[in-house]
Amino acid sequence: MFENSYKIRVSARAIVFYEDNVLLNCFGDGLYYNIPGGGVEEGENARMAAVREVREETDLPVEAGEFVFSLEYEPVTANYAYGDGHHISFVFRCRLLGGHTLSAPELPDVDPENPANVSRPVWLPIARLPEIELMPHVNENLAAYFKTGVFRPVFFEDPYK
């Protein structure tokens, strides 16, 4: 019997739009941003994880909709730029179920390289996407997705560089 001891972390992320804004996590004072999300936990699928993570990180109720794209980080081929854990993220479009007022997370995400940089949720105007450091670098794709409703299917060789 084949036994695979290699571990891959599975996570889920949520793209949420409100008017002309996109929901992001801001680290530091705009040092960089990421799409809300985190690891899939036992007893839930990726869609459920995206909904839970948005609630934990922003206090917003959302419903997971269409699958938009996936990302993979493999540490060896990325020269360990973002740690030594291999992970795959599934990204879903999520719809707000209530208001749009954000709350600070009880347990914010912390930048492992600089623990002083903690996350806070923000509604970022779509027009500002080209000027920010978004991790992964899907700024143009996200702006186009907002306008057209179509996320260009591309393979991101290294969306984190």
C-alpha atoms as a PDB file:
ATOM      1  CA  MET A   1       0.000   0.000   0.000  1.00  0.00           C
ATOM      2  CA  PHE A   2       1.260   3.457  -0.913  1.00  0.00           C
ATOM      3  CA  GLU A   3       1.673   5.831   1.987  1.00  0.00           C
ATOM      4  CA  ASN A   4       2.172   9.521   1.335  1.00  0.00           C
ATOM      5  CA  SER A   5       3.783  11.225   4.303  1.00  0.00           C
ATOM      6  CA  TYR A   6       4.124  14.547   2.497  1.00  0.00           C
ATOM      7  CA  LYS A   7       1.749  17.115   3.986  1.00  0.00           C
ATOM      8  CA  ILE A   8      -0.030  19.818   2.004  1.00  0.00           C
ATOM      9  CA  ARG A   9      -2.090  22.447   3.823  1.00  0.00           C
ATOM     10  CA  VAL A  10      -5.452  23.173   2.217  1.00  0.00           C
ATOM     11  CA  SER A  11      -6.926  26.613   2.693  1.00  0.00           C
ATOM     12  CA  ALA A  12      -9.871  28.624   1.418  1.00  0.00           C
ATOM     13  CA  ARG A  13     -10.130  32.311   0.603  1.00  0.00           C
ATOM     14  CA  ALA A  14     -13.014  34.650  -0.150  1.00  0.00           C
ATOM     15  CA  ILE A  15     -13.404  37.428  -2.685  1.00  0.00           C
ATOM     16  CA  VAL A  16     -16.080  39.791  -1.392  1.00  0.00           C
ATOM     17  CA  PHE A  17     -17.117  42.959  -3.215  1.00  0.00           C
ATOM     18  CA  TYR A  18     -19.189  45.804  -1.788  1.00  0.00           C
ATOM     19  CA  GLU A  19     -20.060  48.630  -4.157  1.00  0.00           C
ATOM     20  CA  ASP A  20     -16.682  49.575  -5.748  1.00  0.00           C
ATOM     21  CA  ASN A  21     -14.592  47.948  -3.011  1.00  0.00           C
ATOM     22  CA  VAL A  22     -12.989  44.593  -2.314  1.00  0.00           C
ATOM     23  CA  LEU A  23     -12.554  43.072   1.136  1.00  0.00           C
ATOM     24  CA  LEU A  24      -8.897  42.532   2.047  1.00  0.00           C
ATOM     25  CA  ASN A  25      -6.742  42.020   5.099  1.00  0.00           C
ATOM     26  CA  CYS A  26      -4.270  44.853   5.560  1.00  0.00           C
ATOM     27  CA  PHE A  27      -0.958  44.150   7.312  1.00  0.00           C
ATOM     28  CA  GLY A  28       0.942  46.921   9.031  1.00  0.00           C
ATOM     29  CA  ASP A  29      -0.103  50.306   7.783  1.00  0.00           C
ATOM     30  CA  GLY A  30      -0.657  49.107   4.227  1.00  0.00           C
ATOM     31  CA  LEU A  31       2.670  47.272   3.974  1.00  0.00           C
ATOM     32  CA  TYR A  32       0.845  44.495   2.153  1.00  0.00           C
ATOM     33  CA  TYR A  33      -2.625  42.963   1.798  1.00  0.00           C
ATOM     34  CA  ASN A  34      -4.097  39.517   1.292  1.00  0.00           C
ATOM     35  CA  ILE A  35      -7.444  37.954   0.477  1.00  0.00           C
ATOM     36  CA  PRO A  36      -9.301  36.860   3.645  1.00  0.00           C
ATOM     37  CA  GLY A  37      -9.064  33.166   4.348  1.00  0.00           C
ATOM     38  CA  GLY A  38      -7.245  30.387   6.108  1.00  0.00           C
ATOM     39  CA  GLY A  39      -6.918  26.674   6.680  1.00  0.00           C
ATOM     40  CA  VAL A  40      -9.693  24.162   6.163  1.00  0.00           C
ATOM     41  CA  GLU A  41     -10.474  22.477   9.474  1.00  0.00           C
ATOM     42  CA  GLU A  42     -11.647  18.963  10.210  1.00  0.00           C
ATOM     43  CA  GLY A  43     -15.350  18.546   9.519  1.00  0.00           C
ATOM     44  CA  GLU A  44     -15.628  21.305   6.917  1.00  0.00           C
ATOM     45  CA  ASN A  45     -15.095  21.653   3.208  1.00  0.00           C
ATOM     46  CA  ALA A  46     -13.345  24.558   1.462  1.00  0.00           C
ATOM     47  CA  ARG A  47     -16.559  26.579   0.961  1.00  0.00           C
ATOM     48  CA  MET A  48     -17.416  26.257   4.635  1.00  0.00           C
ATOM     49  CA  ALA A  49     -13.885  27.301   5.578  1.00  0.00           C
ATOM     50  CA  ALA A  50     -14.092  30.444   3.409  1.00  0.00           C
ATOM     51  CA  VAL A  51     -17.325  31.488   5.155  1.00  0.00           C
ATOM     52  CA  ARG A  52     -15.897  30.779   8.632  1.00  0.00           C
ATOM     53  CA  GLU A  53     -12.641  32.602   7.911  1.00  0.00           C
ATOM     54  CA  VAL A  54     -14.431  35.736   6.695  1.00  0.00           C
ATOM     55  CA  ARG A  55     -16.534  35.710   9.880  1.00  0.00           C
ATOM     56  CA  GLU A  56     -13.440  35.249  12.068  1.00  0.00           C
ATOM     57  CA  GLU A  57     -11.373  37.886  10.288  1.00  0.00           C
ATOM     58  CA  THR A  58     -14.030  40.553   9.648  1.00  0.00           C
ATOM     59  CA  ASP A  59     -17.227  39.620  11.551  1.00  0.00           C
ATOM     60  CA  LEU A  60     -19.121  39.740   8.239  1.00  0.00           C
ATOM     61  CA  PRO A  61     -21.706  37.082   7.372  1.00  0.00           C
ATOM     62  CA  VAL A  62     -21.173  35.762   3.846  1.00  0.00           C
ATOM     63  CA  GLU A  63     -22.352  32.954   1.640  1.00  0.00           C
ATOM     64  CA  ALA A  64     -19.833  31.113  -0.533  1.00  0.00           C
ATOM     65  CA  GLY A  65     -20.609  31.187  -4.210  1.00  0.00           C
ATOM     66  CA  GLU A  66     -18.664  30.233  -7.302  1.00  0.00           C
ATOM     67  CA  PHE A  67     -15.170  28.825  -7.284  1.00  0.00           C
ATOM     68  CA  VAL A  68     -12.955  31.486  -8.871  1.00  0.00           C
ATOM     69  CA  PHE A  69      -9.379  30.170  -8.895  1.00  0.00           C
ATOM     70  CA  SER A  70      -6.782  28.230  -6.937  1.00  0.00           C
ATOM     71  CA  LEU A  71      -3.253  29.011  -5.840  1.00  0.00           C
ATOM     72  CA  GLU A  72      -0.381  26.771  -4.924  1.00  0.00           C
ATOM     73  CA  TYR A  73       2.737  27.583  -2.943  1.00  0.00           C
ATOM     74  CA  GLU A  74       5.463  24.949  -3.080  1.00  0.00           C
ATOM     75  CA  PRO A  75       8.403  25.945  -0.861  1.00  0.00           C
ATOM     76  CA  VAL A  76      11.290  24.244  -2.697  1.00  0.00           C
ATOM     77  CA  THR A  77      10.542  25.778  -6.094  1.00  0.00           C
ATOM     78  CA  ALA A  78       9.868  29.158  -4.433  1.00  0.00           C
ATOM     79  CA  ASN A  79      13.187  29.064  -2.566  1.00  0.00           C
ATOM     80  CA  TYR A  80      11.290  29.029   0.751  1.00  0.00           C
ATOM     81  CA  ALA A  81      10.229  32.649   0.208  1.00  0.00           C
ATOM     82  CA  TYR A  82       7.142  32.220   2.416  1.00  0.00           C
ATOM     83  CA  GLY A  83       8.085  29.413   4.747  1.00  0.00           C
ATOM     84  CA  ASP A  84       8.529  25.690   4.407  1.00  0.00           C
ATOM     85  CA  GLY A  85       4.897  24.571   4.233  1.00  0.00           C
ATOM     86  CA  HIS A  86       3.371  23.473   0.945  1.00  0.00           C
ATOM     87  CA  HIS A  87      -0.185  24.775   0.589  1.00  0.00           C
ATOM     88  CA  ILE A  88      -3.037  25.016  -1.876  1.00  0.00           C
ATOM     89  CA  SER A  89      -5.758  27.659  -1.608  1.00  0.00           C
ATOM     90  CA  PHE A  90      -9.217  27.513  -3.168  1.00  0.00           C
ATOM     91  CA  VAL A  91     -10.693  30.971  -3.750  1.00  0.00           C
ATOM     92  CA  PHE A  92     -14.460  31.553  -3.853  1.00  0.00           C
ATOM     93  CA  ARG A  93     -16.633  34.536  -4.644  1.00  0.00           C
ATOM     94  CA  CYS A  94     -18.681  35.244  -1.534  1.00  0.00           C
ATOM     95  CA  ARG A  95     -21.805  37.348  -1.151  1.00  0.00           C
ATOM     96  CA  LEU A  96     -22.548  39.565   1.832  1.00  0.00           C
ATOM     97  CA  LEU A  97     -25.607  38.436   3.793  1.00  0.00           C
ATOM     98  CA  GLY A  98     -25.951  41.509   5.959  1.00  0.00           C
ATOM     99  CA  GLY A  99     -24.266  44.820   6.515  1.00  0.00           C
ATOM    100  CA  HIS A 100     -20.807  45.806   5.422  1.00  0.00           C
ATOM    101  CA  THR A 101     -19.368  47.191   8.692  1.00  0.00           C
ATOM    102  CA  LEU A 102     -16.069  45.545   9.566  1.00  0.00           C
ATOM    103  CA  SER A 103     -14.911  44.487  13.019  1.00  0.00           C
ATOM    104  CA  ALA A 104     -11.346  43.824  14.090  1.00  0.00           C
ATOM    105  CA  PRO A 105     -10.642  40.111  14.503  1.00  0.00           C
ATOM    106  CA  GLU A 106     -10.266  38.705  18.004  1.00  0.00           C
ATOM    107  CA  LEU A 107      -7.191  36.796  16.819  1.00  0.00           C
ATOM    108  CA  PRO A 108      -5.678  38.762  13.925  1.00  0.00           C
ATOM    109  CA  ASP A 109      -3.275  37.091  11.525  1.00  0.00           C
ATOM    110  CA  VAL A 110       0.345  37.878  12.316  1.00  0.00           C
ATOM    111  CA  ASP A 111       3.160  38.281   9.804  1.00  0.00           C
ATOM    112  CA  PRO A 112       5.576  35.454  10.696  1.00  0.00           C
ATOM    113  CA  GLU A 113       8.533  37.555   9.560  1.00  0.00           C
ATOM    114  CA  ASN A 114       7.499  40.554  11.652  1.00  0.00           C
ATOM    115  CA  PRO A 115       5.069  39.853  14.530  1.00  0.00           C
ATOM    116  CA  ALA A 116       4.401  43.589  14.891  1.00  0.00           C
ATOM    117  CA  ASN A 117       2.501  43.458  11.582  1.00  0.00           C
ATOM    118  CA  VAL A 118      -0.987  42.230  12.376  1.00  0.00           C
ATOM    119  CA  SER A 119      -3.973  42.087  10.058  1.00  0.00           C
ATOM    120  CA  ARG A 120      -7.060  44.238  10.038  1.00  0.00           C
ATOM    121  CA  PRO A 121      -9.923  44.020   7.561  1.00  0.00           C
ATOM    122  CA  VAL A 122     -10.437  46.870   5.096  1.00  0.00           C
ATOM    123  CA  TRP A 123     -12.711  47.719   2.215  1.00  0.00           C
ATOM    124  CA  LEU A 124     -10.212  48.766  -0.428  1.00  0.00           C
ATOM    125  CA  PRO A 125     -11.438  50.685  -3.474  1.00  0.00           C
ATOM    126  CA  ILE A 126     -10.985  48.577  -6.614  1.00  0.00           C
ATOM    127  CA  ALA A 127      -9.283  51.587  -8.221  1.00  0.00           C
ATOM    128  CA  ARG A 128      -6.446  51.274  -5.669  1.00  0.00           C
ATOM    129  CA  LEU A 129      -5.605  47.642  -6.544  1.00  0.00           C
ATOM    130  CA  PRO A 130      -2.780  48.567  -8.971  1.00  0.00           C
ATOM    131  CA  GLU A 131      -0.899  50.516  -6.291  1.00  0.00           C
ATOM    132  CA  ILE A 132      -0.904  48.027  -3.402  1.00  0.00           C
ATOM    133  CA  GLU A 133       1.214  45.007  -2.540  1.00  0.00           C
ATOM    134  CA  LEU A 134      -1.347  42.185  -2.739  1.00  0.00           C
ATOM    135  CA  MET A 135      -0.252  38.697  -1.777  1.00  0.00           C
ATOM    136  CA  PRO A 136      -0.640  36.813  -4.046  1.00  0.00           C
ATOM    137  CA  HIS A 137      -0.077  39.188  -6.947  1.00  0.00           C
ATOM    138  CA  VAL A 138      -3.462  38.915  -8.605  1.00  0.00           C
ATOM    139  CA  ASN A 139      -4.195  42.655  -8.588  1.00  0.00           C
ATOM    140  CA  GLU A 140      -4.976  42.966 -12.298  1.00  0.00           C
ATOM    141  CA  ASN A 141      -6.956  39.733 -12.361  1.00  0.00           C
ATOM    142  CA  LEU A 142      -9.037  40.833  -9.372  1.00  0.00           C
ATOM    143  CA  ALA A 143      -9.777  44.255 -10.893  1.00  0.00           C
ATOM    144  CA  ALA A 144     -10.811  42.638 -14.191  1.00  0.00           C
ATOM    145  CA  TYR A 145     -12.960  40.095 -12.327  1.00  0.00           C
ATOM    146  CA  PHE A 146     -14.809  42.955 -10.604  1.00  0.00           C
ATOM    147  CA  LYS A 147     -15.578  44.584 -13.977  1.00  0.00           C
ATOM    148  CA  THR A 148     -16.384  41.515 -16.045  1.00  0.00           C
ATOM    149  CA  GLY A 149     -17.348  38.760 -13.612  1.00  0.00           C
ATOM    150  CA  VAL A 150     -14.764  36.542 -15.315  1.00  0.00           C
ATOM    151  CA  PHE A 151     -11.480  35.598 -13.686  1.00  0.00           C
ATOM    152  CA  ARG A 152      -9.058  34.980 -16.522  1.00  0.00           C
ATOM    153  CA  PRO A 153      -8.004  31.338 -16.239  1.00  0.00           C
ATOM    154  CA  VAL A 154      -4.244  31.456 -15.970  1.00  0.00           C
ATOM    155  CA  PHE A 155      -1.635  29.324 -14.305  1.00  0.00           C
ATOM    156  CA  PHE A 156       0.259  31.416 -11.820  1.00  0.00           C
ATOM    157  CA  GLU A 157       3.856  30.267 -12.101  1.00  0.00           C
ATOM    158  CA  ASP A 158       4.733  32.212  -8.991  1.00  0.00           C
ATOM    159  CA  PRO A 159       1.886  34.446  -7.816  1.00  0.00           C
ATOM    160  CA  TYR A 160       3.762  35.291  -4.629  1.00  0.00           C
ATOM    161  CA  LYS A 161       6.774  37.026  -6.245  1.00  0.00           C
END
